[in-house]
Amino acid sequence: MGRTCPTYRMLLEFEIDGWRDYSRSLEGRDKEALEWLFDAARRRASACGAACRLNPFEAMIMAFMVSIESLEMEK
């Protein structure tokens, strides 16, 4: 039997796919930056799934912020 609720990773990919038109309209470094953020959310998918947010976009934004802050802390 399959699961009735999608996993966070599935919801994340669905959310990212919803931003594809926006991504296609970006150029150069902006496009690279957006892909970096999407990858950051993917790297933190386990933590985001553990947060059990009703809106997966909230966890995605938190993953973005943690990733950016961790870069700042490395400086």
Protein backbone atom coordinates (compact mmCIF):
# COMPACT_ATOMS: atom_id res chain seq x y z
CA MET A 1 0.00 0.00 0.00
CA GLY A 2 1.18 3.50 -0.81
CA ARG A 3 1.25 6.49 1.45
CA THR A 4 -1.73 8.80 1.48
CA CYS A 5 0.24 11.90 2.45
CA PRO A 6 3.07 13.19 0.25
CA THR A 7 6.48 13.47 1.87
CA TYR A 8 8.08 16.85 2.43
CA ARG A 9 10.56 16.10 -0.35
CA MET A 10 7.68 15.52 -2.76
CA LEU A 11 5.99 18.76 -1.67
CA LEU A 12 9.28 20.62 -1.99
CA GLU A 13 9.79 19.48 -5.57
CA PHE A 14 6.20 20.43 -6.36
CA GLU A 15 6.80 23.91 -4.89
CA ILE A 16 10.09 24.32 -6.78
CA ASP A 17 8.39 23.24 -9.99
CA GLY A 18 5.82 25.99 -9.43
CA TRP A 19 8.62 28.55 -9.62
CA ARG A 20 9.99 27.30 -12.99
CA ASP A 21 8.44 30.14 -15.04
CA TYR A 22 10.03 32.66 -12.69
CA SER A 23 13.34 30.82 -12.89
CA ARG A 24 13.27 30.81 -16.69
CA SER A 25 12.81 34.58 -16.72
CA LEU A 26 15.99 35.16 -14.71
CA GLU A 27 19.42 35.52 -16.24
CA GLY A 28 22.97 34.80 -15.22
CA ARG A 29 23.82 35.16 -11.57
CA ASP A 30 20.19 35.61 -10.51
CA LYS A 31 19.28 32.25 -12.00
CA GLU A 32 22.32 30.62 -10.37
CA ALA A 33 21.35 32.18 -7.03
CA LEU A 34 17.82 30.82 -7.24
CA GLU A 35 19.08 27.33 -8.09
CA TRP A 36 21.49 27.57 -5.14
CA LEU A 37 18.55 28.38 -2.86
CA PHE A 38 16.52 25.47 -4.22
CA ASP A 39 19.48 23.15 -3.62
CA ALA A 40 19.83 24.55 -0.09
CA ALA A 41 16.20 23.66 0.59
CA ARG A 42 16.81 20.16 -0.78
CA ARG A 43 19.86 19.72 1.49
CA ARG A 44 17.73 20.60 4.51
CA ALA A 45 14.64 18.60 3.49
CA SER A 46 14.92 16.23 6.46
CA ALA A 47 14.90 19.11 8.94
CA CYS A 48 12.08 20.81 7.07
CA GLY A 49 10.05 17.61 7.11
CA ALA A 50 10.55 17.34 10.85
CA ALA A 51 9.11 20.84 11.29
CA CYS A 52 5.67 19.57 10.16
CA ARG A 53 4.53 22.90 8.72
CA LEU A 54 1.16 22.97 6.98
CA ASN A 55 2.62 25.19 4.28
CA PRO A 56 5.81 23.65 2.85
CA PHE A 57 6.87 27.06 1.54
CA GLU A 58 7.42 28.26 5.13
CA ALA A 59 9.95 25.50 5.77
CA MET A 60 11.54 26.21 2.39
CA ILE A 61 12.06 29.88 3.31
CA MET A 62 13.55 28.88 6.68
CA ALA A 63 15.99 26.57 4.86
CA PHE A 64 16.97 29.50 2.62
CA MET A 65 17.60 31.73 5.63
CA VAL A 66 19.62 29.11 7.50
CA SER A 67 21.76 28.51 4.41
CA ILE A 68 22.45 32.20 3.93
CA GLU A 69 23.22 32.73 7.60
CA SER A 70 25.58 29.74 7.70
CA LEU A 71 27.53 31.34 4.83
CA GLU A 72 27.75 34.61 6.77
CA MET A 73 28.98 32.78 9.87
CA GLU A 74 31.80 31.19 7.83
CA LYS A 75 33.20 34.63 6.91
